[in-house]
C-alpha atoms as a PDB file:
ATOM      1  CA  UNK A   1      91.685 198.166 -18.550  1.00  0.00           C
ATOM      2  CA  UNK A   2      91.427 194.378 -18.911  1.00  0.00           C
ATOM      3  CA  UNK A   3      93.294 194.520 -22.242  1.00  0.00           C
ATOM      4  CA  UNK A   4      96.055 196.517 -20.575  1.00  0.00           C
ATOM      5  CA  UNK A   5      96.486 193.859 -17.879  1.00  0.00           C
ATOM      6  CA  UNK A   6      96.516 191.084 -20.482  1.00  0.00           C
ATOM      7  CA  UNK A   7      99.175 192.927 -22.478  1.00  0.00           C
ATOM      8  CA  UNK A   8     101.289 193.350 -19.333  1.00  0.00           C
ATOM      9  CA  UNK A   9     101.065 189.609 -18.660  1.00  0.00           C
ATOM     10  CA  UNK A  10     102.127 188.847 -22.241  1.00  0.00           C
ATOM     11  CA  UNK A  11     105.052 191.280 -22.078  1.00  0.00           C
ATOM     12  CA  UNK A  12     106.165 189.925 -18.707  1.00  0.00           C
ATOM     13  CA  UNK A  13     106.017 186.288 -19.806  1.00  0.00           C
ATOM     14  CA  UNK A  14     107.860 187.192 -22.997  1.00  0.00           C
ATOM     15  CA  UNK A  15     110.843 188.403 -21.003  1.00  0.00           C
ATOM     16  CA  UNK A  16     111.568 184.833 -19.894  1.00  0.00           C
ATOM     17  CA  UNK A  17     110.917 183.103 -23.212  1.00  0.00           C
ATOM     18  CA  UNK A  18     113.648 184.692 -25.305  1.00  0.00           C
ATOM     19  CA  UNK A  19     115.844 182.178 -27.061  1.00  0.00           C
ATOM     20  CA  UNK A  20     119.517 182.777 -27.629  1.00  0.00           C
ATOM     21  CA  UNK A  21     120.238 184.567 -30.912  1.00  0.00           C
ATOM     22  CA  UNK A  22     123.221 182.258 -31.445  1.00  0.00           C
ATOM     23  CA  UNK A  23     121.021 179.421 -32.634  1.00  0.00           C
ATOM     24  CA  UNK A  24     118.351 176.893 -31.628  1.00  0.00           C
ATOM     25  CA  UNK A  25     118.306 175.671 -28.062  1.00  0.00           C
ATOM     26  CA  UNK A  26     117.586 171.973 -27.397  1.00  0.00           C
ATOM     27  CA  UNK A  27     113.996 171.305 -26.307  1.00  0.00           C
ATOM     28  CA  UNK A  28     115.063 170.001 -22.889  1.00  0.00           C
ATOM     29  CA  UNK A  29     116.984 173.224 -22.272  1.00  0.00           C
ATOM     30  CA  UNK A  30     113.987 175.336 -23.287  1.00  0.00           C
ATOM     31  CA  UNK A  31     111.793 173.433 -20.859  1.00  0.00           C
ATOM     32  CA  UNK A  32     114.309 173.880 -18.065  1.00  0.00           C
ATOM     33  CA  UNK A  33     114.604 177.603 -18.858  1.00  0.00           C
ATOM     34  CA  UNK A  34     110.912 177.998 -18.047  1.00  0.00           C
ATOM     35  CA  UNK A  35     111.228 176.472 -14.571  1.00  0.00           C
ATOM     36  CA  UNK A  36     112.265 179.620 -12.690  1.00  0.00           C
ATOM     37  CA  UNK A  37     109.623 181.968 -14.183  1.00  0.00           C
ATOM     38  CA  UNK A  38     106.948 179.265 -13.875  1.00  0.00           C
ATOM     39  CA  UNK A  39     107.713 178.952 -10.169  1.00  0.00           C
ATOM     40  CA  UNK A  40     107.767 182.732  -9.811  1.00  0.00           C
ATOM     41  CA  UNK A  41     104.383 183.144 -11.480  1.00  0.00           C
ATOM     42  CA  UNK A  42     102.908 180.199  -9.543  1.00  0.00           C
ATOM     43  CA  UNK A  43     104.090 181.576  -6.204  1.00  0.00           C
ATOM     44  CA  UNK A  44     102.803 185.077  -7.019  1.00  0.00           C
ATOM     45  CA  UNK A  45      99.351 183.681  -7.881  1.00  0.00           C
ATOM     46  CA  UNK A  46      99.268 181.576  -4.728  1.00  0.00           C
ATOM     47  CA  UNK A  47     100.318 184.457  -2.470  1.00  0.00           C
ATOM     48  CA  UNK A  48      97.653 186.735  -3.929  1.00  0.00           C
ATOM     49  CA  UNK A  49      94.987 184.034  -3.514  1.00  0.00           C
ATOM     50  CA  UNK A  50      96.008 183.609   0.125  1.00  0.00           C
ATOM     51  CA  UNK A  51      95.843 187.363   0.700  1.00  0.00           C
ATOM     52  CA  UNK A  52      92.335 187.573  -0.776  1.00  0.00           C
ATOM     53  CA  UNK A  53      91.104 184.536   1.174  1.00  0.00           C
ATOM     54  CA  UNK A  54      91.864 186.371   4.416  1.00  0.00           C
ATOM     55  CA  UNK A  55      89.915 189.501   3.512  1.00  0.00           C
ATOM     56  CA  UNK A  56      86.563 189.953   5.259  1.00  0.00           C
ATOM     57  CA  UNK A  57      84.416 188.365   2.578  1.00  0.00           C
ATOM     58  CA  UNK A  58      81.207 188.549   4.601  1.00  0.00           C
ATOM     59  CA  UNK A  59      81.083 192.338   4.689  1.00  0.00           C
ATOM     60  CA  UNK A  60      80.706 192.156   0.894  1.00  0.00           C
ATOM     61  CA  UNK A  61      77.421 191.879  -0.916  1.00  0.00           C
ATOM     62  CA  UNK A  62      76.507 188.445  -2.288  1.00  0.00           C
ATOM     63  CA  UNK A  63      77.528 189.550  -5.796  1.00  0.00           C
ATOM     64  CA  UNK A  64      80.834 190.977  -4.577  1.00  0.00           C
ATOM     65  CA  UNK A  65      81.595 187.844  -2.555  1.00  0.00           C
ATOM     66  CA  UNK A  66      80.766 185.716  -5.580  1.00  0.00           C
ATOM     67  CA  UNK A  67      83.209 187.762  -7.682  1.00  0.00           C
ATOM     68  CA  UNK A  68      85.917 187.509  -5.017  1.00  0.00           C
ATOM     69  CA  UNK A  69      85.532 183.730  -4.763  1.00  0.00           C
ATOM     70  CA  UNK A  70      85.838 183.511  -8.543  1.00  0.00           C
ATOM     71  CA  UNK A  71      89.019 185.576  -8.374  1.00  0.00           C
ATOM     72  CA  UNK A  72      90.558 183.372  -5.669  1.00  0.00           C
ATOM     73  CA  UNK A  73      89.599 180.283  -7.650  1.00  0.00           C
ATOM     74  CA  UNK A  74      91.157 181.726 -10.802  1.00  0.00           C
ATOM     75  CA  UNK A  75      94.442 182.398  -9.002  1.00  0.00           C
ATOM     76  CA  UNK A  76      94.568 178.901  -7.510  1.00  0.00           C
ATOM     77  CA  UNK A  77      93.735 177.509 -10.945  1.00  0.00           C
ATOM     78  CA  UNK A  78      96.700 179.404 -12.398  1.00  0.00           C
ATOM     79  CA  UNK A  79      98.914 177.989  -9.653  1.00  0.00           C
ATOM     80  CA  UNK A  80      97.688 174.459 -10.442  1.00  0.00           C
ATOM     81  CA  UNK A  81      98.411 174.880 -14.155  1.00  0.00           C
ATOM     82  CA  UNK A  82     101.905 176.203 -13.520  1.00  0.00           C
ATOM     83  CA  UNK A  83     102.654 173.452 -10.997  1.00  0.00           C
ATOM     84  CA  UNK A  84     101.666 170.786 -13.521  1.00  0.00           C
ATOM     85  CA  UNK A  85     103.983 172.398 -16.071  1.00  0.00           C
ATOM     86  CA  UNK A  86     106.751 172.592 -13.461  1.00  0.00           C
ATOM     87  CA  UNK A  87     106.457 168.845 -12.808  1.00  0.00           C
ATOM     88  CA  UNK A  88     107.263 168.180 -16.475  1.00  0.00           C
ATOM     89  CA  UNK A  89     110.627 169.928 -16.085  1.00  0.00           C
ATOM     90  CA  UNK A  90     111.795 168.049 -12.982  1.00  0.00           C
ATOM     91  CA  UNK A  91     114.029 165.019 -12.579  1.00  0.00           C
ATOM     92  CA  UNK A  92     115.042 165.227  -8.902  1.00  0.00           C
ATOM     93  CA  UNK A  93     112.945 162.787  -6.799  1.00  0.00           C
ATOM     94  CA  UNK A  94     112.932 165.153  -3.820  1.00  0.00           C
ATOM     95  CA  UNK A  95     111.755 168.121  -5.865  1.00  0.00           C
ATOM     96  CA  UNK A  96     109.152 165.998  -7.642  1.00  0.00           C
ATOM     97  CA  UNK A  97     107.826 164.843  -4.280  1.00  0.00           C
ATOM     98  CA  UNK A  98     107.558 168.416  -2.963  1.00  0.00           C
ATOM     99  CA  UNK A  99     105.813 169.676  -6.077  1.00  0.00           C
ATOM    100  CA  UNK A 100     103.351 166.762  -6.084  1.00  0.00           C
ATOM    101  CA  UNK A 101     102.487 167.491  -2.461  1.00  0.00           C
ATOM    102  CA  UNK A 102     101.936 171.134  -3.372  1.00  0.00           C
ATOM    103  CA  UNK A 103      99.743 170.133  -6.309  1.00  0.00           C
ATOM    104  CA  UNK A 104      97.586 168.019  -3.980  1.00  0.00           C
ATOM    105  CA  UNK A 105      97.215 170.991  -1.634  1.00  0.00           C
ATOM    106  CA  UNK A 106      96.275 173.305  -4.491  1.00  0.00           C
ATOM    107  CA  UNK A 107      93.697 170.868  -5.872  1.00  0.00           C
ATOM    108  CA  UNK A 108      92.129 170.496  -2.411  1.00  0.00           C
ATOM    109  CA  UNK A 109      91.977 174.273  -2.025  1.00  0.00           C
ATOM    110  CA  UNK A 110      90.389 174.550  -5.461  1.00  0.00           C
ATOM    111  CA  UNK A 111      87.685 172.041  -4.517  1.00  0.00           C
ATOM    112  CA  UNK A 112      87.013 173.959  -1.292  1.00  0.00           C
ATOM    113  CA  UNK A 113      86.630 177.203  -3.212  1.00  0.00           C
ATOM    114  CA  UNK A 114      84.181 175.464  -5.565  1.00  0.00           C
ATOM    115  CA  UNK A 115      82.171 174.266  -2.550  1.00  0.00           C
ATOM    116  CA  UNK A 116      82.170 177.740  -0.948  1.00  0.00           C
ATOM    117  CA  UNK A 117      81.064 179.274  -4.224  1.00  0.00           C
ATOM    118  CA  UNK A 118      78.270 176.705  -4.596  1.00  0.00           C
ATOM    119  CA  UNK A 119      76.981 177.449  -1.083  1.00  0.00           C
ATOM    120  CA  UNK A 120      77.076 181.169  -1.769  1.00  0.00           C
ATOM    121  CA  UNK A 121      75.220 180.825  -5.070  1.00  0.00           C
ATOM    122  CA  UNK A 122      72.583 178.421  -3.698  1.00  0.00           C
ATOM    123  CA  UNK A 123      71.873 180.635  -0.697  1.00  0.00           C
ATOM    124  CA  UNK A 124      71.656 183.651  -2.968  1.00  0.00           C
ATOM    125  CA  UNK A 125      69.336 181.864  -5.392  1.00  0.00           C
ATOM    126  CA  UNK A 126      66.967 180.742  -2.627  1.00  0.00           C
ATOM    127  CA  UNK A 127      66.841 184.255  -1.218  1.00  0.00           C
ATOM    128  CA  UNK A 128      66.025 185.726  -4.606  1.00  0.00           C
ATOM    129  CA  UNK A 129      63.258 183.198  -5.335  1.00  0.00           C
ATOM    130  CA  UNK A 130      61.791 182.833  -1.828  1.00  0.00           C
ATOM    131  CA  UNK A 131      58.458 184.447  -2.622  1.00  0.00           C
ATOM    132  CA  UNK A 132      57.997 182.357  -5.764  1.00  0.00           C
ATOM    133  CA  UNK A 133      58.867 179.138  -3.938  1.00  0.00           C
ATOM    134  CA  UNK A 134      56.481 179.947  -1.073  1.00  0.00           C
ATOM    135  CA  UNK A 135      53.683 180.743  -3.512  1.00  0.00           C
ATOM    136  CA  UNK A 136      54.109 177.281  -5.026  1.00  0.00           C
ATOM    137  CA  UNK A 137      55.036 175.196  -1.981  1.00  0.00           C
ATOM    138  CA  UNK A 138      52.905 176.964   0.603  1.00  0.00           C
ATOM    139  CA  UNK A 139      53.686 178.984   3.720  1.00  0.00           C
ATOM    140  CA  UNK A 140      54.296 175.880   5.810  1.00  0.00           C
ATOM    141  CA  UNK A 141      57.654 175.483   4.051  1.00  0.00           C
ATOM    142  CA  UNK A 142      58.893 178.878   5.295  1.00  0.00           C
ATOM    143  CA  UNK A 143      60.586 177.539   8.432  1.00  0.00           C
ATOM    144  CA  UNK A 144      62.278 174.744   6.474  1.00  0.00           C
ATOM    145  CA  UNK A 145      63.518 177.309   3.991  1.00  0.00           C
ATOM    146  CA  UNK A 146      64.891 179.542   6.748  1.00  0.00           C
ATOM    147  CA  UNK A 147      66.628 176.551   8.347  1.00  0.00           C
ATOM    148  CA  UNK A 148      68.160 175.578   5.005  1.00  0.00           C
ATOM    149  CA  UNK A 149      69.396 179.120   4.348  1.00  0.00           C
ATOM    150  CA  UNK A 150      71.007 179.176   7.796  1.00  0.00           C
ATOM    151  CA  UNK A 151      72.620 175.811   7.093  1.00  0.00           C
ATOM    152  CA  UNK A 152      74.059 177.070   3.806  1.00  0.00           C
ATOM    153  CA  UNK A 153      75.376 180.247   5.422  1.00  0.00           C
ATOM    154  CA  UNK A 154      77.033 178.249   8.219  1.00  0.00           C
ATOM    155  CA  UNK A 155      78.464 175.805   5.681  1.00  0.00           C
ATOM    156  CA  UNK A 156      80.002 178.680   3.721  1.00  0.00           C
ATOM    157  CA  UNK A 157      81.641 180.069   6.871  1.00  0.00           C
ATOM    158  CA  UNK A 158      83.005 176.675   7.960  1.00  0.00           C
ATOM    159  CA  UNK A 159      84.412 175.876   4.514  1.00  0.00           C
ATOM    160  CA  UNK A 160      86.075 179.280   4.290  1.00  0.00           C
ATOM    161  CA  UNK A 161      87.596 178.803   7.745  1.00  0.00           C
ATOM    162  CA  UNK A 162      89.010 175.441   6.649  1.00  0.00           C
ATOM    163  CA  UNK A 163      90.429 176.996   3.477  1.00  0.00           C
ATOM    164  CA  UNK A 164      92.120 179.677   5.567  1.00  0.00           C
ATOM    165  CA  UNK A 165      93.439 177.013   7.941  1.00  0.00           C
ATOM    166  CA  UNK A 166      95.038 175.169   5.009  1.00  0.00           C
ATOM    167  CA  UNK A 167      96.740 178.384   3.890  1.00  0.00           C
ATOM    168  CA  UNK A 168      98.048 179.117   7.404  1.00  0.00           C
ATOM    169  CA  UNK A 169      99.057 175.573   8.362  1.00  0.00           C
ATOM    170  CA  UNK A 170     101.014 174.987   5.152  1.00  0.00           C
ATOM    171  CA  UNK A 171     102.729 178.378   5.018  1.00  0.00           C
ATOM    172  CA  UNK A 172     105.927 177.383   6.880  1.00  0.00           C
ATOM    173  CA  UNK A 173     106.469 174.298   4.720  1.00  0.00           C
ATOM    174  CA  UNK A 174     105.843 176.265   1.525  1.00  0.00           C
ATOM    175  CA  UNK A 175     108.377 178.890   2.593  1.00  0.00           C
ATOM    176  CA  UNK A 176     110.838 176.063   3.253  1.00  0.00           C
ATOM    177  CA  UNK A 177     110.129 174.559  -0.200  1.00  0.00           C
ATOM    178  CA  UNK A 178     110.828 177.919  -1.803  1.00  0.00           C
ATOM    179  CA  UNK A 179     114.097 178.164   0.088  1.00  0.00           C
ATOM    180  CA  UNK A 180     115.120 174.708  -1.166  1.00  0.00           C
ATOM    181  CA  UNK A 181     114.302 175.753  -4.726  1.00  0.00           C
ATOM    182  CA  UNK A 182     116.206 179.049  -4.489  1.00  0.00           C
ATOM    183  CA  UNK A 183     119.314 177.249  -3.222  1.00  0.00           C
ATOM    184  CA  UNK A 184     119.215 174.907  -6.203  1.00  0.00           C
ATOM    185  CA  UNK A 185     119.029 177.786  -8.715  1.00  0.00           C
ATOM    186  CA  UNK A 186     122.037 179.345 -10.339  1.00  0.00           C
ATOM    187  CA  UNK A 187     122.436 183.092  -9.858  1.00  0.00           C
ATOM    188  CA  UNK A 188     120.781 183.741 -13.223  1.00  0.00           C
ATOM    189  CA  UNK A 189     117.846 181.400 -12.548  1.00  0.00           C
ATOM    190  CA  UNK A 190     117.344 182.905  -9.094  1.00  0.00           C
ATOM    191  CA  UNK A 191     117.184 186.368 -10.663  1.00  0.00           C
ATOM    192  CA  UNK A 192     114.580 185.182 -13.174  1.00  0.00           C
ATOM    193  CA  UNK A 193     112.498 183.591 -10.415  1.00  0.00           C
ATOM    194  CA  UNK A 194     112.559 186.757  -8.300  1.00  0.00           C
ATOM    195  CA  UNK A 195     111.816 188.949 -11.291  1.00  0.00           C
ATOM    196  CA  UNK A 196     108.843 186.800 -12.346  1.00  0.00           C
ATOM    197  CA  UNK A 197     107.411 186.582  -8.841  1.00  0.00           C
ATOM    198  CA  UNK A 198     107.738 190.326  -8.248  1.00  0.00           C
ATOM    199  CA  UNK A 199     106.300 191.348 -11.615  1.00  0.00           C
ATOM    200  CA  UNK A 200     103.414 188.892 -11.539  1.00  0.00           C
ATOM    201  CA  UNK A 201     102.773 189.837  -7.932  1.00  0.00           C
ATOM    202  CA  UNK A 202     102.285 193.428  -9.071  1.00  0.00           C
ATOM    203  CA  UNK A 203     100.096 192.310 -11.986  1.00  0.00           C
ATOM    204  CA  UNK A 204      97.845 190.090  -9.850  1.00  0.00           C
ATOM    205  CA  UNK A 205      97.553 192.763  -7.160  1.00  0.00           C
ATOM    206  CA  UNK A 206      96.852 195.326  -9.876  1.00  0.00           C
ATOM    207  CA  UNK A 207      93.804 193.368 -11.000  1.00  0.00           C
ATOM    208  CA  UNK A 208      92.248 193.945  -7.563  1.00  0.00           C
ATOM    209  CA  UNK A 209      93.133 197.638  -7.594  1.00  0.00           C
ATOM    210  CA  UNK A 210      91.513 198.054 -11.014  1.00  0.00           C
ATOM    211  CA  UNK A 211      88.213 196.569  -9.881  1.00  0.00           C
END
């Protein structure tokens, strides 16, 4: 199943990397040609990460929540990589400024996901080794351990709430940024952006359905 998804990604990306059969295309033109599909893939990854972040993660088992956090982090990581590649293609100061702001947001969200994941893993590890720790440290440490586990659990909830707040609070501006970008595209570039976003949206959503 994983190989099938990988092959779909390769086929999809290949659709937007075809070079004219009439002859070589200048490097600058090739870079610019990638802008629309890069934005489409980036936006699809971001939207799927946002969708997953708002699922009820705390009804999941620790292992399932760990896997979901990894998935959200992977999607944000993809969005960061594409945004960095997008920045290379840009020359407009306004567009550069918008994309740099977005990159800062993505990097902050990535760090939050790392912190949430660390809290989840530490809490899980302490729970799994509680009896061993108590046998070594003594029963008097039990209350301290319980307090620490509660602190980690609360920290995980608060960090996740802040991550969700960043998604919600920035949504209107991100929609506006996408509108600016779409207005600057030619008809052909706009079609490539929409095609990439739709296809990658299906691919990223398909990963969750295949789990």
